[in-house]
Amino acid sequence: QVQFVESGGGLVQPGGSLRLSCSFSGVSLWFRLNTVGWYRQAPGKERDLVAQILPDTTSYADSVKGRFTISRDNAKNTVYLQMNSLKVEDTAVYYCNFVPVIASWGQGTQVTVSS
């Protein structure tokens, strides 16, 4: 079964940091060769792609550029999202999946930025 499991969310004050993790269960070669992304969905809004990592390059949505860093550990089938200088508008449920989406969505991890 192809599945992503996200973790690391929580409540943080504006300006704070969090590190999210996403573990993939499936064929390791598939994980290593494909683009993986972090998506987020705020209440009442669509799910958007905020960061993606190809085997050797990264790209970010303008809203998080310079604040978020995506990385991957292929040996662990894991993708990370380091989030710094968090803003209230970063509050959302964060998910990971391939880009484009070809696996089932996991439960996600809630990130709440509030004072």
N, C-alpha and C. Protein backbone atom coordinates (compact mmCIF):
# COMPACT_ATOMS: atom_id res chain seq x y z
N GLN A 1 0.84 -1.19 0.00
CA GLN A 1 0.00 0.00 0.00
C GLN A 1 0.88 1.24 0.00
N VAL A 2 0.60 2.16 -0.90
CA VAL A 2 1.34 3.40 -0.99
C VAL A 2 0.73 4.41 -0.03
N GLN A 3 1.54 4.92 0.88
CA GLN A 3 0.99 5.80 1.90
C GLN A 3 2.04 6.78 2.40
N PHE A 4 1.59 7.98 2.69
CA PHE A 4 2.41 8.98 3.36
C PHE A 4 1.86 9.21 4.76
N VAL A 5 2.75 9.38 5.73
CA VAL A 5 2.35 9.68 7.11
C VAL A 5 3.10 10.93 7.56
N GLU A 6 2.31 11.95 7.86
CA GLU A 6 2.89 13.24 8.25
C GLU A 6 2.93 13.37 9.78
N SER A 7 3.91 14.13 10.28
CA SER A 7 4.02 14.39 11.71
C SER A 7 4.80 15.67 11.95
N GLY A 8 4.74 16.14 13.19
CA GLY A 8 5.56 17.28 13.57
C GLY A 8 4.82 18.60 13.75
N GLY A 9 3.53 18.60 13.46
CA GLY A 9 2.77 19.83 13.60
C GLY A 9 2.56 20.21 15.06
N GLY A 10 1.96 21.38 15.25
CA GLY A 10 1.68 21.83 16.61
C GLY A 10 1.28 23.29 16.63
N LEU A 11 1.25 23.83 17.84
CA LEU A 11 0.91 25.23 18.05
C LEU A 11 2.19 26.01 18.27
N VAL A 12 2.35 27.10 17.54
CA VAL A 12 3.56 27.91 17.65
C VAL A 12 3.19 29.38 17.53
N GLN A 13 3.96 30.23 18.17
CA GLN A 13 3.72 31.66 18.08
C GLN A 13 4.24 32.22 16.77
N PRO A 14 3.69 33.33 16.33
CA PRO A 14 4.23 33.98 15.12
C PRO A 14 5.73 34.23 15.28
N GLY A 15 6.46 33.96 14.22
CA GLY A 15 7.91 34.09 14.25
C GLY A 15 8.63 32.83 14.66
N GLY A 16 7.89 31.85 15.13
CA GLY A 16 8.48 30.60 15.57
C GLY A 16 8.79 29.65 14.43
N SER A 17 9.26 28.44 14.81
CA SER A 17 9.67 27.44 13.82
C SER A 17 9.08 26.08 14.15
N LEU A 18 8.90 25.28 13.11
CA LEU A 18 8.51 23.90 13.25
C LEU A 18 9.20 23.10 12.16
N ARG A 19 9.39 21.82 12.43
CA ARG A 19 9.93 20.92 11.41
C ARG A 19 8.96 19.76 11.23
N LEU A 20 8.44 19.64 10.03
CA LEU A 20 7.51 18.57 9.71
C LEU A 20 8.27 17.41 9.06
N SER A 21 7.76 16.21 9.30
CA SER A 21 8.32 15.01 8.69
C SER A 21 7.23 14.25 7.95
N CYS A 22 7.63 13.58 6.90
CA CYS A 22 6.69 12.80 6.10
C CYS A 22 7.36 11.49 5.71
N SER A 23 6.82 10.39 6.19
CA SER A 23 7.38 9.08 5.89
C SER A 23 6.55 8.39 4.82
N PHE A 24 7.23 7.77 3.88
CA PHE A 24 6.57 7.10 2.76
C PHE A 24 6.68 5.59 2.92
N SER A 25 5.58 4.89 2.78
CA SER A 25 5.60 3.43 2.78
C SER A 25 5.17 2.96 1.40
N GLY A 26 6.09 2.31 0.72
CA GLY A 26 5.84 1.87 -0.64
C GLY A 26 7.17 1.46 -1.25
N VAL A 27 7.20 1.45 -2.56
CA VAL A 27 8.41 1.06 -3.25
C VAL A 27 9.45 2.19 -3.14
N SER A 28 10.59 1.88 -2.51
CA SER A 28 11.60 2.91 -2.26
C SER A 28 12.10 3.56 -3.53
N LEU A 29 12.29 2.80 -4.59
CA LEU A 29 12.77 3.36 -5.85
C LEU A 29 11.79 4.38 -6.39
N TRP A 30 10.52 4.08 -6.25
CA TRP A 30 9.49 5.02 -6.69
C TRP A 30 9.63 6.35 -5.94
N PHE A 31 9.86 6.26 -4.64
CA PHE A 31 10.04 7.48 -3.83
C PHE A 31 11.27 8.25 -4.29
N ARG A 32 12.37 7.54 -4.51
CA ARG A 32 13.63 8.21 -4.84
C ARG A 32 13.59 8.92 -6.18
N LEU A 33 12.86 8.38 -7.13
CA LEU A 33 12.90 8.90 -8.50
C LEU A 33 11.85 9.96 -8.80
N ASN A 34 10.93 10.16 -7.88
CA ASN A 34 9.82 11.07 -8.17
C ASN A 34 9.84 12.33 -7.31
N THR A 35 9.15 13.33 -7.80
CA THR A 35 9.01 14.59 -7.08
C THR A 35 8.02 14.42 -5.93
N VAL A 36 8.41 14.90 -4.77
CA VAL A 36 7.53 14.85 -3.59
C VAL A 36 7.28 16.28 -3.13
N GLY A 37 6.08 16.55 -2.71
CA GLY A 37 5.75 17.91 -2.30
C GLY A 37 5.02 17.98 -0.98
N TRP A 38 5.10 19.14 -0.37
CA TRP A 38 4.29 19.46 0.81
C TRP A 38 3.14 20.35 0.34
N TYR A 39 1.95 19.99 0.76
CA TYR A 39 0.74 20.74 0.44
C TYR A 39 0.14 21.22 1.76
N ARG A 40 -0.71 22.22 1.67
CA ARG A 40 -1.43 22.64 2.87
C ARG A 40 -2.83 23.08 2.51
N GLN A 41 -3.71 22.91 3.49
CA GLN A 41 -5.11 23.30 3.31
C GLN A 41 -5.58 24.04 4.54
N ALA A 42 -5.88 25.31 4.36
CA ALA A 42 -6.43 26.12 5.43
C ALA A 42 -7.95 25.97 5.45
N PRO A 43 -8.59 26.25 6.57
CA PRO A 43 -10.07 26.12 6.64
C PRO A 43 -10.77 26.91 5.56
N GLY A 44 -11.65 26.25 4.83
CA GLY A 44 -12.42 26.92 3.80
C GLY A 44 -11.68 27.21 2.51
N LYS A 45 -10.45 26.69 2.41
CA LYS A 45 -9.64 26.96 1.20
C LYS A 45 -9.23 25.65 0.53
N GLU A 46 -8.77 25.77 -0.69
CA GLU A 46 -8.31 24.60 -1.42
C GLU A 46 -6.93 24.15 -0.92
N ARG A 47 -6.59 22.92 -1.22
CA ARG A 47 -5.28 22.41 -0.88
C ARG A 47 -4.27 22.90 -1.91
N ASP A 48 -3.20 23.53 -1.44
CA ASP A 48 -2.20 24.11 -2.33
C ASP A 48 -0.83 23.49 -2.10
N LEU A 49 -0.07 23.43 -3.17
CA LEU A 49 1.31 22.96 -3.09
C LEU A 49 2.20 24.12 -2.63
N VAL A 50 2.98 23.90 -1.57
CA VAL A 50 3.83 24.98 -1.07
C VAL A 50 5.32 24.73 -1.30
N ALA A 51 5.71 23.47 -1.44
CA ALA A 51 7.12 23.18 -1.67
C ALA A 51 7.24 21.81 -2.32
N GLN A 52 8.21 21.66 -3.19
CA GLN A 52 8.43 20.38 -3.83
C GLN A 52 9.91 20.14 -4.01
N ILE A 53 10.25 18.86 -4.01
CA ILE A 53 11.64 18.48 -4.17
C ILE A 53 11.74 17.38 -5.20
N LEU A 54 12.48 17.67 -6.24
CA LEU A 54 12.79 16.68 -7.24
C LEU A 54 13.97 15.87 -6.71
N PRO A 55 14.46 14.92 -7.46
CA PRO A 55 15.65 14.23 -6.95
C PRO A 55 16.79 15.17 -6.56
N ASP A 56 16.95 16.34 -7.22
CA ASP A 56 18.08 17.19 -6.85
C ASP A 56 17.79 18.69 -6.90
N THR A 57 16.55 19.08 -7.03
CA THR A 57 16.22 20.51 -7.02
C THR A 57 14.95 20.73 -6.20
N THR A 58 14.76 21.98 -5.78
CA THR A 58 13.60 22.34 -4.99
C THR A 58 12.91 23.57 -5.58
N SER A 59 11.64 23.71 -5.26
CA SER A 59 10.93 24.93 -5.62
C SER A 59 9.86 25.20 -4.57
N TYR A 60 9.47 26.49 -4.47
CA TYR A 60 8.57 26.92 -3.41
C TYR A 60 7.52 27.88 -3.94
N ALA A 61 6.38 27.88 -3.27
CA ALA A 61 5.38 28.90 -3.54
C ALA A 61 5.91 30.24 -3.05
N ASP A 62 5.48 31.30 -3.69
CA ASP A 62 5.96 32.63 -3.30
C ASP A 62 5.65 32.94 -1.84
N SER A 63 4.56 32.42 -1.33
CA SER A 63 4.13 32.73 0.03
C SER A 63 5.07 32.17 1.10
N VAL A 64 5.89 31.18 0.74
CA VAL A 64 6.77 30.57 1.75
C VAL A 64 8.24 30.68 1.38
N LYS A 65 8.53 31.21 0.21
CA LYS A 65 9.91 31.30 -0.26
C LYS A 65 10.76 32.11 0.72
N GLY A 66 11.92 31.56 1.06
CA GLY A 66 12.81 32.24 1.99
C GLY A 66 12.55 31.90 3.45
N ARG A 67 11.43 31.25 3.72
CA ARG A 67 11.08 30.89 5.10
C ARG A 67 11.02 29.37 5.30
N PHE A 68 10.60 28.65 4.29
CA PHE A 68 10.47 27.19 4.37
C PHE A 68 11.59 26.52 3.57
N THR A 69 12.03 25.37 4.06
CA THR A 69 13.04 24.59 3.36
C THR A 69 12.61 23.13 3.32
N ILE A 70 12.53 22.58 2.11
CA ILE A 70 12.18 21.17 1.95
C ILE A 70 13.45 20.37 1.72
N SER A 71 13.49 19.17 2.30
CA SER A 71 14.64 18.30 2.12
C SER A 71 14.15 16.85 2.14
N ARG A 72 15.01 15.94 1.73
CA ARG A 72 14.61 14.54 1.71
C ARG A 72 15.77 13.65 2.12
N ASP A 73 15.42 12.53 2.73
CA ASP A 73 16.39 11.50 3.08
C ASP A 73 15.91 10.23 2.40
N ASN A 74 16.50 9.92 1.27
CA ASN A 74 16.02 8.77 0.50
C ASN A 74 16.26 7.45 1.22
N ALA A 75 17.29 7.40 2.05
CA ALA A 75 17.57 6.16 2.79
C ALA A 75 16.45 5.85 3.78
N LYS A 76 15.77 6.90 4.23
CA LYS A 76 14.68 6.74 5.19
C LYS A 76 13.31 6.91 4.56
N ASN A 77 13.26 7.12 3.25
CA ASN A 77 11.99 7.38 2.57
C ASN A 77 11.21 8.49 3.27
N THR A 78 11.91 9.56 3.59
CA THR A 78 11.31 10.64 4.38
C THR A 78 11.60 11.99 3.75
N VAL A 79 10.60 12.85 3.81
CA VAL A 79 10.74 14.24 3.36
C VAL A 79 10.46 15.14 4.56
N TYR A 80 11.20 16.23 4.66
CA TYR A 80 11.06 17.17 5.76
C TYR A 80 10.65 18.54 5.24
N LEU A 81 10.04 19.31 6.12
CA LEU A 81 9.75 20.71 5.82
C LEU A 81 10.12 21.53 7.04
N GLN A 82 11.21 22.28 6.92
CA GLN A 82 11.61 23.19 7.98
C GLN A 82 10.92 24.52 7.75
N MET A 83 10.15 24.94 8.73
CA MET A 83 9.36 26.16 8.60
C MET A 83 9.83 27.18 9.63
N ASN A 84 10.35 28.28 9.16
CA ASN A 84 10.84 29.35 10.02
C ASN A 84 10.02 30.62 9.80
N SER A 85 10.14 31.55 10.73
CA SER A 85 9.43 32.83 10.63
C SER A 85 7.96 32.61 10.32
N LEU A 86 7.34 31.73 11.05
CA LEU A 86 5.95 31.37 10.78
C LEU A 86 5.01 32.54 10.99
N LYS A 87 4.00 32.58 10.15
CA LYS A 87 2.99 33.63 10.19
C LYS A 87 1.63 33.01 10.49
N VAL A 88 0.71 33.84 10.95
CA VAL A 88 -0.64 33.36 11.24
C VAL A 88 -1.26 32.71 10.01
N GLU A 89 -0.96 33.27 8.84
CA GLU A 89 -1.54 32.75 7.61
C GLU A 89 -0.95 31.41 7.17
N ASP A 90 0.06 30.92 7.88
CA ASP A 90 0.58 29.58 7.61
C ASP A 90 -0.25 28.51 8.31
N THR A 91 -1.19 28.91 9.12
CA THR A 91 -2.05 27.95 9.80
C THR A 91 -2.83 27.12 8.79
N ALA A 92 -2.69 25.80 8.90
CA ALA A 92 -3.32 24.89 7.95
C ALA A 92 -3.01 23.45 8.37
N VAL A 93 -3.66 22.51 7.70
CA VAL A 93 -3.26 21.11 7.79
C VAL A 93 -2.27 20.87 6.65
N TYR A 94 -1.12 20.31 7.00
CA TYR A 94 -0.06 20.08 6.02
C TYR A 94 -0.02 18.59 5.65
N TYR A 95 0.09 18.35 4.35
CA TYR A 95 0.12 17.00 3.79
C TYR A 95 1.33 16.86 2.87
N CYS A 96 1.73 15.64 2.63
CA CYS A 96 2.73 15.40 1.59
C CYS A 96 2.17 14.38 0.61
N ASN A 97 2.68 14.43 -0.59
CA ASN A 97 2.27 13.52 -1.64
C ASN A 97 3.22 13.72 -2.81
N PHE A 98 3.08 12.88 -3.79
CA PHE A 98 3.86 13.07 -5.00
C PHE A 98 3.32 14.29 -5.76
N VAL A 99 4.17 14.78 -6.68
CA VAL A 99 3.77 15.87 -7.57
C VAL A 99 3.96 15.36 -9.00
N PRO A 100 2.90 15.19 -9.78
CA PRO A 100 1.48 15.34 -9.39
C PRO A 100 1.04 14.26 -8.42
N VAL A 101 -0.12 14.47 -7.83
CA VAL A 101 -0.64 13.56 -6.81
C VAL A 101 -1.02 12.22 -7.42
N ILE A 102 -0.41 11.15 -6.93
CA ILE A 102 -0.73 9.81 -7.43
C ILE A 102 -0.91 8.81 -6.31
N ALA A 103 -0.89 9.28 -5.07
CA ALA A 103 -1.10 8.40 -3.92
C ALA A 103 -2.27 8.92 -3.10
N SER A 104 -2.76 8.07 -2.22
CA SER A 104 -3.84 8.50 -1.33
C SER A 104 -3.31 9.54 -0.35
N TRP A 105 -4.17 10.43 0.06
CA TRP A 105 -3.77 11.44 1.04
C TRP A 105 -3.70 10.81 2.43
N GLY A 106 -2.71 11.24 3.20
CA GLY A 106 -2.60 10.82 4.58
C GLY A 106 -3.50 11.68 5.46
N GLN A 107 -3.31 11.54 6.77
CA GLN A 107 -4.11 12.30 7.72
C GLN A 107 -3.69 13.76 7.81
N GLY A 108 -2.46 14.03 7.42
CA GLY A 108 -1.96 15.39 7.55
C GLY A 108 -1.55 15.70 8.98
N THR A 109 -0.92 16.85 9.14
CA THR A 109 -0.52 17.30 10.47
C THR A 109 -0.91 18.77 10.62
N GLN A 110 -1.56 19.09 11.72
CA GLN A 110 -2.09 20.44 11.93
C GLN A 110 -0.98 21.38 12.40
N VAL A 111 -0.87 22.51 11.74
CA VAL A 111 0.03 23.58 12.15
C VAL A 111 -0.83 24.80 12.47
N THR A 112 -0.71 25.28 13.69
CA THR A 112 -1.46 26.45 14.12
C THR A 112 -0.48 27.51 14.59
N VAL A 113 -0.54 28.67 13.95
CA VAL A 113 0.33 29.78 14.32
C VAL A 113 -0.55 30.85 14.96
N SER A 114 -0.34 31.06 16.24
CA SER A 114 -1.20 31.98 16.97
C SER A 114 -0.48 32.48 18.21
N SER A 115 -0.77 33.72 18.58
CA SER A 115 -0.22 34.26 19.81
C SER A 115 -1.19 34.05 20.97
